Structures are given as structure tokens and as C-alpha cells.
């Protein structure tokens, strides 16, 4: 097992190598995620509406 002090030093060295995103990058990425989630929700809503309307039409035609 490694020395705890050595482990902490190695961990700090690895964390120092991380390139953290800027505030602007985080904001843009967040906005893009919300836009994509909204577009996906609208797409599936429309597909669901189309399928539901089609099935209701078929059931009304053959249900009577």
C-alpha cells in the first residue's frame, strides 16, 4: 500500500493537470443542453401525437 502523503501529493499533481472549463464554456454548454432537451421533447411529443391520432382514426374506422 502506498504512503498516504505520497498518495495526496500524486493526487494534487494530477488535479493540477486538469484543464477546467471557463465560465463562458459552462454557460454555453448548459444552454445547448437545454435547447437539445427541448427539441427532443417537442420531437417525441409530435411523434406521439401522430401515432395517437393515427391509431384513433384506425380504431374509429374498424370499431363501429
Protein backbone atom coordinates (compact mmCIF):
# COMPACT_ATOMS: atom_id res chain seq x y z
CA UNK A 1 0.00 0.00 0.00
CA UNK A 2 1.28 3.47 -0.87
CA UNK A 3 2.27 6.08 1.63
CA UNK A 4 -0.75 8.37 2.34
CA UNK A 5 1.38 11.52 2.00
CA UNK A 6 2.71 10.30 -1.34
CA UNK A 7 -0.83 9.49 -2.47
CA UNK A 8 -2.04 13.01 -1.60
CA UNK A 9 0.91 14.57 -3.42
CA UNK A 10 0.25 12.47 -6.52
CA UNK A 11 -3.44 13.34 -6.39
CA UNK A 12 -2.66 17.06 -6.20
CA UNK A 13 -0.26 16.71 -9.14
CA UNK A 14 -2.94 15.00 -11.24
CA UNK A 15 -5.59 17.59 -10.32
CA UNK A 16 -3.18 20.35 -11.36
CA UNK A 17 -3.12 18.81 -14.88
CA UNK A 18 -6.90 19.17 -15.29
CA UNK A 19 -7.98 21.90 -17.71
CA UNK A 20 -11.09 23.38 -16.13
CA UNK A 21 -13.72 24.96 -18.43
CA UNK A 22 -14.25 28.69 -18.34
CA UNK A 23 -17.45 30.22 -17.01
CA UNK A 24 -18.47 31.07 -20.60
CA UNK A 25 -17.90 27.46 -21.78
CA UNK A 26 -20.02 26.11 -18.92
CA UNK A 27 -22.81 28.59 -19.69
CA UNK A 28 -22.80 27.81 -23.42
CA UNK A 29 -22.78 24.08 -22.81
CA UNK A 30 -25.66 24.37 -20.33
CA UNK A 31 -27.73 26.41 -22.78
CA UNK A 32 -27.02 23.87 -25.55
CA UNK A 33 -28.16 21.01 -23.32
CA UNK A 34 -31.44 22.80 -22.50
CA UNK A 35 -32.04 23.55 -26.19
CA UNK A 36 -31.38 19.94 -27.22
CA UNK A 37 -33.59 18.60 -24.41
CA UNK A 38 -36.41 20.92 -25.51
CA UNK A 39 -36.07 19.92 -29.17
CA UNK A 40 -36.06 16.25 -28.21
CA UNK A 41 -39.17 16.68 -26.04
CA UNK A 42 -41.01 18.50 -28.86
CA UNK A 43 -39.99 15.81 -31.36
CA UNK A 44 -41.29 12.96 -29.20
CA UNK A 45 -44.46 14.90 -28.41
CA UNK A 46 -45.16 15.28 -32.13
CA UNK A 47 -44.37 11.62 -32.86
CA UNK A 48 -46.68 10.57 -30.01
CA UNK A 49 -49.42 12.88 -31.30
CA UNK A 50 -49.09 11.47 -34.82
CA UNK A 51 -49.22 7.85 -33.65
CA UNK A 52 -52.14 8.53 -31.29
CA UNK A 53 -54.14 10.33 -33.99
CA UNK A 54 -53.44 7.55 -36.50
CA UNK A 55 -54.47 4.82 -34.08
CA UNK A 56 -57.66 6.67 -33.10
CA UNK A 57 -58.53 7.00 -36.78
CA UNK A 58 -57.96 3.30 -37.42
CA UNK A 59 -59.93 2.26 -34.33
CA UNK A 60 -62.85 4.53 -35.24
CA UNK A 61 -62.88 3.13 -38.78
CA UNK A 62 -62.91 -0.52 -37.71
CA UNK A 63 -64.51 -0.11 -34.28
CA UNK A 64 -68.03 0.70 -35.40
